[in-house]
Amino acid sequence: NLVVVFLLCGLWHGPSWNFVVWGL
């Protein structure tokens, strides 16, 4: 759940890999 929530937080900031990695 923690990983999913923070991946979604990253995606919320924008559709870019840097945001996904930041959330991860």
PDB file of all heavy atoms in Angstrom:
ATOM      1  N   ASN A   1       0.820  -1.213   0.000  1.00  0.00           N
ATOM      2  CA  ASN A   1       0.000   0.000   0.000  1.00  0.00           C
ATOM      3  C   ASN A   1       0.856   1.266   0.000  1.00  0.00           C
ATOM      4  O   ASN A   1       0.527   2.241  -0.672  1.00  0.00           O
ATOM      5  CB  ASN A   1      -0.942  -0.003   1.196  1.00  0.00           C
ATOM      6  CG  ASN A   1      -2.012  -1.072   1.077  1.00  0.00           C
ATOM      7  OD1 ASN A   1      -2.207  -1.660   0.013  1.00  0.00           O
ATOM      8  ND2 ASN A   1      -2.696  -1.332   2.159  1.00  0.00           N
ATOM      9  N   LEU A   2       1.951   1.237   0.740  1.00  0.00           N
ATOM     10  CA  LEU A   2       2.847   2.399   0.756  1.00  0.00           C
ATOM     11  C   LEU A   2       3.420   2.667  -0.629  1.00  0.00           C
ATOM     12  O   LEU A   2       3.455   3.816  -1.090  1.00  0.00           O
ATOM     13  CB  LEU A   2       3.981   2.187   1.756  1.00  0.00           C
ATOM     14  CG  LEU A   2       3.620   2.330   3.230  1.00  0.00           C
ATOM     15  CD1 LEU A   2       4.777   1.861   4.109  1.00  0.00           C
ATOM     16  CD2 LEU A   2       3.266   3.772   3.549  1.00  0.00           C
ATOM     17  N   VAL A   3       3.870   1.616  -1.294  1.00  0.00           N
ATOM     18  CA  VAL A   3       4.434   1.791  -2.638  1.00  0.00           C
ATOM     19  C   VAL A   3       3.370   2.301  -3.597  1.00  0.00           C
ATOM     20  O   VAL A   3       3.620   3.228  -4.383  1.00  0.00           O
ATOM     21  CB  VAL A   3       5.069   0.474  -3.142  1.00  0.00           C
ATOM     22  CG1 VAL A   3       5.403   0.561  -4.618  1.00  0.00           C
ATOM     23  CG2 VAL A   3       6.309   0.151  -2.346  1.00  0.00           C
ATOM     24  N   VAL A   4       2.167   1.731  -3.542  1.00  0.00           N
ATOM     25  CA  VAL A   4       1.094   2.167  -4.442  1.00  0.00           C
ATOM     26  C   VAL A   4       0.744   3.635  -4.192  1.00  0.00           C
ATOM     27  O   VAL A   4       0.629   4.430  -5.133  1.00  0.00           O
ATOM     28  CB  VAL A   4      -0.152   1.255  -4.283  1.00  0.00           C
ATOM     29  CG1 VAL A   4      -1.363   1.858  -4.984  1.00  0.00           C
ATOM     30  CG2 VAL A   4       0.134  -0.130  -4.823  1.00  0.00           C
ATOM     31  N   VAL A   5       0.601   4.018  -2.933  1.00  0.00           N
ATOM     32  CA  VAL A   5       0.239   5.401  -2.614  1.00  0.00           C
ATOM     33  C   VAL A   5       1.297   6.372  -3.118  1.00  0.00           C
ATOM     34  O   VAL A   5       0.985   7.394  -3.736  1.00  0.00           O
ATOM     35  CB  VAL A   5       0.008   5.573  -1.095  1.00  0.00           C
ATOM     36  CG1 VAL A   5       0.005   7.035  -0.692  1.00  0.00           C
ATOM     37  CG2 VAL A   5      -1.285   4.905  -0.679  1.00  0.00           C
ATOM     38  N   PHE A   6       2.568   6.046  -2.896  1.00  0.00           N
ATOM     39  CA  PHE A   6       3.606   6.987  -3.307  1.00  0.00           C
ATOM     40  C   PHE A   6       3.850   6.960  -4.813  1.00  0.00           C
ATOM     41  O   PHE A   6       4.237   7.979  -5.391  1.00  0.00           O
ATOM     42  CB  PHE A   6       4.882   6.782  -2.490  1.00  0.00           C
ATOM     43  CG  PHE A   6       4.761   7.445  -1.150  1.00  0.00           C
ATOM     44  CD1 PHE A   6       4.317   6.733  -0.050  1.00  0.00           C
ATOM     45  CD2 PHE A   6       5.040   8.781  -1.008  1.00  0.00           C
ATOM     46  CE1 PHE A   6       4.171   7.350   1.173  1.00  0.00           C
ATOM     47  CE2 PHE A   6       4.901   9.414   0.212  1.00  0.00           C
ATOM     48  CZ  PHE A   6       4.462   8.691   1.311  1.00  0.00           C
ATOM     49  N   LEU A   7       3.609   5.843  -5.462  1.00  0.00           N
ATOM     50  CA  LEU A   7       3.646   5.843  -6.928  1.00  0.00           C
ATOM     51  C   LEU A   7       2.539   6.739  -7.483  1.00  0.00           C
ATOM     52  O   LEU A   7       2.754   7.501  -8.426  1.00  0.00           O
ATOM     53  CB  LEU A   7       3.499   4.422  -7.473  1.00  0.00           C
ATOM     54  CG  LEU A   7       4.768   3.589  -7.515  1.00  0.00           C
ATOM     55  CD1 LEU A   7       4.454   2.160  -7.919  1.00  0.00           C
ATOM     56  CD2 LEU A   7       5.789   4.194  -8.452  1.00  0.00           C
ATOM     57  N   LEU A   8       1.370   6.647  -6.875  1.00  0.00           N
ATOM     58  CA  LEU A   8       0.263   7.513  -7.301  1.00  0.00           C
ATOM     59  C   LEU A   8       0.568   8.988  -7.016  1.00  0.00           C
ATOM     60  O   LEU A   8       0.203   9.858  -7.809  1.00  0.00           O
ATOM     61  CB  LEU A   8      -1.043   7.091  -6.621  1.00  0.00           C
ATOM     62  CG  LEU A   8      -1.613   5.749  -7.085  1.00  0.00           C
ATOM     63  CD1 LEU A   8      -2.824   5.356  -6.248  1.00  0.00           C
ATOM     64  CD2 LEU A   8      -1.968   5.798  -8.566  1.00  0.00           C
ATOM     65  N   CYS A   9       1.236   9.257  -5.901  1.00  0.00           N
ATOM     66  CA  CYS A   9       1.658  10.645  -5.618  1.00  0.00           C
ATOM     67  C   CYS A   9       2.610  11.136  -6.701  1.00  0.00           C
ATOM     68  O   CYS A   9       2.523  12.287  -7.142  1.00  0.00           O
ATOM     69  CB  CYS A   9       2.335  10.733  -4.252  1.00  0.00           C
ATOM     70  SG  CYS A   9       1.210  10.610  -2.862  1.00  0.00           S
ATOM     71  N   GLY A  10       3.530  10.284  -7.117  1.00  0.00           N
ATOM     72  CA  GLY A  10       4.443  10.650  -8.191  1.00  0.00           C
ATOM     73  C   GLY A  10       3.698  10.921  -9.485  1.00  0.00           C
ATOM     74  O   GLY A  10       3.943  11.922 -10.159  1.00  0.00           O
ATOM     75  N   LEU A  11       2.774  10.048  -9.830  1.00  0.00           N
ATOM     76  CA  LEU A  11       1.986  10.237 -11.053  1.00  0.00           C
ATOM     77  C   LEU A  11       1.101  11.475 -10.963  1.00  0.00           C
ATOM     78  O   LEU A  11       0.830  12.126 -11.974  1.00  0.00           O
ATOM     79  CB  LEU A  11       1.138   9.002 -11.339  1.00  0.00           C
ATOM     80  CG  LEU A  11       1.911   7.810 -11.880  1.00  0.00           C
ATOM     81  CD1 LEU A  11       1.004   6.584 -11.956  1.00  0.00           C
ATOM     82  CD2 LEU A  11       2.497   8.129 -13.245  1.00  0.00           C
ATOM     83  N   TRP A  12       0.653  11.807  -9.769  1.00  0.00           N
ATOM     84  CA  TRP A  12      -0.170  12.996  -9.599  1.00  0.00           C
ATOM     85  C   TRP A  12       0.615  14.248  -9.986  1.00  0.00           C
ATOM     86  O   TRP A  12       0.057  15.206 -10.497  1.00  0.00           O
ATOM     87  CB  TRP A  12      -0.646  13.092  -8.148  1.00  0.00           C
ATOM     88  CG  TRP A  12      -1.502  14.280  -7.893  1.00  0.00           C
ATOM     89  CD1 TRP A  12      -2.813  14.433  -8.208  1.00  0.00           C
ATOM     90  CD2 TRP A  12      -1.109  15.513  -7.282  1.00  0.00           C
ATOM     91  NE1 TRP A  12      -3.262  15.659  -7.828  1.00  0.00           N
ATOM     92  CE2 TRP A  12      -2.228  16.349  -7.251  1.00  0.00           C
ATOM     93  CE3 TRP A  12       0.086  15.980  -6.747  1.00  0.00           C
ATOM     94  CZ2 TRP A  12      -2.195  17.623  -6.718  1.00  0.00           C
ATOM     95  CZ3 TRP A  12       0.117  17.250  -6.210  1.00  0.00           C
ATOM     96  CH2 TRP A  12      -1.012  18.053  -6.200  1.00  0.00           C
ATOM     97  N   HIS A  13       1.927  14.239  -9.749  1.00  0.00           N
ATOM     98  CA  HIS A  13       2.742  15.396 -10.096  1.00  0.00           C
ATOM     99  C   HIS A  13       2.989  15.508 -11.593  1.00  0.00           C
ATOM    100  O   HIS A  13       3.351  16.566 -12.073  1.00  0.00           O
ATOM    101  CB  HIS A  13       4.082  15.352  -9.345  1.00  0.00           C
ATOM    102  CG  HIS A  13       3.946  15.769  -7.926  1.00  0.00           C
ATOM    103  ND1 HIS A  13       3.719  14.861  -6.914  1.00  0.00           N
ATOM    104  CD2 HIS A  13       3.984  16.978  -7.349  1.00  0.00           C
ATOM    105  CE1 HIS A  13       3.631  15.514  -5.777  1.00  0.00           C
ATOM    106  NE2 HIS A  13       3.787  16.793  -6.011  1.00  0.00           N
ATOM    107  N   GLY A  14       2.817  14.431 -12.323  1.00  0.00           N
ATOM    108  CA  GLY A  14       2.967  14.516 -13.764  1.00  0.00           C
ATOM    109  C   GLY A  14       3.300  13.180 -14.388  1.00  0.00           C
ATOM    110  O   GLY A  14       3.802  12.273 -13.732  1.00  0.00           O
ATOM    111  N   PRO A  15       3.020  13.039 -15.683  1.00  0.00           N
ATOM    112  CA  PRO A  15       3.283  11.788 -16.384  1.00  0.00           C
ATOM    113  C   PRO A  15       4.722  11.703 -16.878  1.00  0.00           C
ATOM    114  O   PRO A  15       4.985  11.737 -18.073  1.00  0.00           O
ATOM    115  CB  PRO A  15       2.289  11.835 -17.547  1.00  0.00           C
ATOM    116  CG  PRO A  15       2.166  13.290 -17.844  1.00  0.00           C
ATOM    117  CD  PRO A  15       2.318  13.990 -16.525  1.00  0.00           C
ATOM    118  N   SER A  16       5.651  11.632 -15.956  1.00  0.00           N
ATOM    119  CA  SER A  16       7.060  11.569 -16.312  1.00  0.00           C
ATOM    120  C   SER A  16       7.741  10.558 -15.402  1.00  0.00           C
ATOM    121  O   SER A  16       7.361  10.392 -14.239  1.00  0.00           O
ATOM    122  CB  SER A  16       7.683  12.960 -16.138  1.00  0.00           C
ATOM    123  OG  SER A  16       9.062  12.915 -16.364  1.00  0.00           O
ATOM    124  N   TRP A  17       8.785   9.919 -15.931  1.00  0.00           N
ATOM    125  CA  TRP A  17       9.467   8.890 -15.146  1.00  0.00           C
ATOM    126  C   TRP A  17      10.136   9.453 -13.897  1.00  0.00           C
ATOM    127  O   TRP A  17      10.250   8.766 -12.890  1.00  0.00           O
ATOM    128  CB  TRP A  17      10.495   8.155 -16.008  1.00  0.00           C
ATOM    129  CG  TRP A  17       9.847   7.146 -16.905  1.00  0.00           C
ATOM    130  CD1 TRP A  17       9.722   7.218 -18.257  1.00  0.00           C
ATOM    131  CD2 TRP A  17       9.215   5.937 -16.505  1.00  0.00           C
ATOM    132  NE1 TRP A  17       9.047   6.135 -18.729  1.00  0.00           N
ATOM    133  CE2 TRP A  17       8.724   5.311 -17.666  1.00  0.00           C
ATOM    134  CE3 TRP A  17       9.000   5.308 -15.287  1.00  0.00           C
ATOM    135  CZ2 TRP A  17       8.040   4.112 -17.643  1.00  0.00           C
ATOM    136  CZ3 TRP A  17       8.318   4.099 -15.263  1.00  0.00           C
ATOM    137  CH2 TRP A  17       7.856   3.517 -16.431  1.00  0.00           C
ATOM    138  N   ASN A  18      10.585  10.707 -13.961  1.00  0.00           N
ATOM    139  CA  ASN A  18      11.227  11.256 -12.767  1.00  0.00           C
ATOM    140  C   ASN A  18      10.244  11.360 -11.604  1.00  0.00           C
ATOM    141  O   ASN A  18      10.610  11.131 -10.452  1.00  0.00           O
ATOM    142  CB  ASN A  18      11.912  12.597 -13.050  1.00  0.00           C
ATOM    143  CG  ASN A  18      11.009  13.626 -13.647  1.00  0.00           C
ATOM    144  OD1 ASN A  18      10.106  13.321 -14.416  1.00  0.00           O
ATOM    145  ND2 ASN A  18      11.251  14.877 -13.308  1.00  0.00           N
ATOM    146  N   PHE A  19       8.972  11.646 -11.886  1.00  0.00           N
ATOM    147  CA  PHE A  19       7.980  11.702 -10.816  1.00  0.00           C
ATOM    148  C   PHE A  19       7.650  10.305 -10.289  1.00  0.00           C
ATOM    149  O   PHE A  19       7.431  10.113  -9.090  1.00  0.00           O
ATOM    150  CB  PHE A  19       6.713  12.407 -11.287  1.00  0.00           C
ATOM    151  CG  PHE A  19       6.942  13.837 -11.678  1.00  0.00           C
ATOM    152  CD1 PHE A  19       6.571  14.294 -12.928  1.00  0.00           C
ATOM    153  CD2 PHE A  19       7.543  14.734 -10.805  1.00  0.00           C
ATOM    154  CE1 PHE A  19       6.781  15.607 -13.294  1.00  0.00           C
ATOM    155  CE2 PHE A  19       7.763  16.053 -11.160  1.00  0.00           C
ATOM    156  CZ  PHE A  19       7.385  16.486 -12.411  1.00  0.00           C
ATOM    157  N   VAL A  20       7.611   9.336 -11.184  1.00  0.00           N
ATOM    158  CA  VAL A  20       7.352   7.951 -10.768  1.00  0.00           C
ATOM    159  C   VAL A  20       8.489   7.460  -9.871  1.00  0.00           C
ATOM    160  O   VAL A  20       8.241   6.876  -8.806  1.00  0.00           O
ATOM    161  CB  VAL A  20       7.175   7.030 -12.002  1.00  0.00           C
ATOM    162  CG1 VAL A  20       7.113   5.575 -11.594  1.00  0.00           C
ATOM    163  CG2 VAL A  20       5.926   7.427 -12.781  1.00  0.00           C
ATOM    164  N   VAL A  21       9.727   7.711 -10.271  1.00  0.00           N
ATOM    165  CA  VAL A  21      10.878   7.286  -9.464  1.00  0.00           C
ATOM    166  C   VAL A  21      10.896   8.031  -8.137  1.00  0.00           C
ATOM    167  O   VAL A  21      11.181   7.449  -7.089  1.00  0.00           O
ATOM    168  CB  VAL A  21      12.199   7.488 -10.245  1.00  0.00           C
ATOM    169  CG1 VAL A  21      13.413   7.307  -9.359  1.00  0.00           C
ATOM    170  CG2 VAL A  21      12.246   6.528 -11.424  1.00  0.00           C
ATOM    171  N   TRP A  22      10.551   9.319  -8.160  1.00  0.00           N
ATOM    172  CA  TRP A  22      10.474  10.100  -6.922  1.00  0.00           C
ATOM    173  C   TRP A  22       9.465   9.464  -5.953  1.00  0.00           C
ATOM    174  O   TRP A  22       9.761   9.277  -4.774  1.00  0.00           O
ATOM    175  CB  TRP A  22      10.088  11.539  -7.263  1.00  0.00           C
ATOM    176  CG  TRP A  22       9.810  12.408  -6.083  1.00  0.00           C
ATOM    177  CD1 TRP A  22      10.729  13.052  -5.321  1.00  0.00           C
ATOM    178  CD2 TRP A  22       8.533  12.723  -5.545  1.00  0.00           C
ATOM    179  NE1 TRP A  22      10.086  13.759  -4.334  1.00  0.00           N
ATOM    180  CE2 TRP A  22       8.743  13.566  -4.449  1.00  0.00           C
ATOM    181  CE3 TRP A  22       7.228  12.373  -5.881  1.00  0.00           C
ATOM    182  CZ2 TRP A  22       7.704  14.077  -3.686  1.00  0.00           C
ATOM    183  CZ3 TRP A  22       6.187  12.878  -5.128  1.00  0.00           C
ATOM    184  CH2 TRP A  22       6.435  13.713  -4.040  1.00  0.00           C
ATOM    185  N   GLY A  23       8.287   9.121  -6.443  1.00  0.00           N
ATOM    186  CA  GLY A  23       7.282   8.480  -5.595  1.00  0.00           C
ATOM    187  C   GLY A  23       7.735   7.111  -5.114  1.00  0.00           C
ATOM    188  O   GLY A  23       7.548   6.756  -3.944  1.00  0.00           O
ATOM    189  N   LEU A  24       8.346   6.344  -5.999  1.00  0.00           N
ATOM    190  CA  LEU A  24       8.841   5.014  -5.639  1.00  0.00           C
ATOM    191  C   LEU A  24       9.917   5.104  -4.554  1.00  0.00           C
ATOM    192  O   LEU A  24       9.911   4.315  -3.598  1.00  0.00           O
ATOM    193  CB  LEU A  24       9.388   4.303  -6.879  1.00  0.00           C
ATOM    194  CG  LEU A  24       9.873   2.878  -6.694  1.00  0.00           C
ATOM    195  CD1 LEU A  24       8.721   1.981  -6.264  1.00  0.00           C
ATOM    196  CD2 LEU A  24      10.489   2.362  -7.982  1.00  0.00           C
TER     197      LEU A  24
END
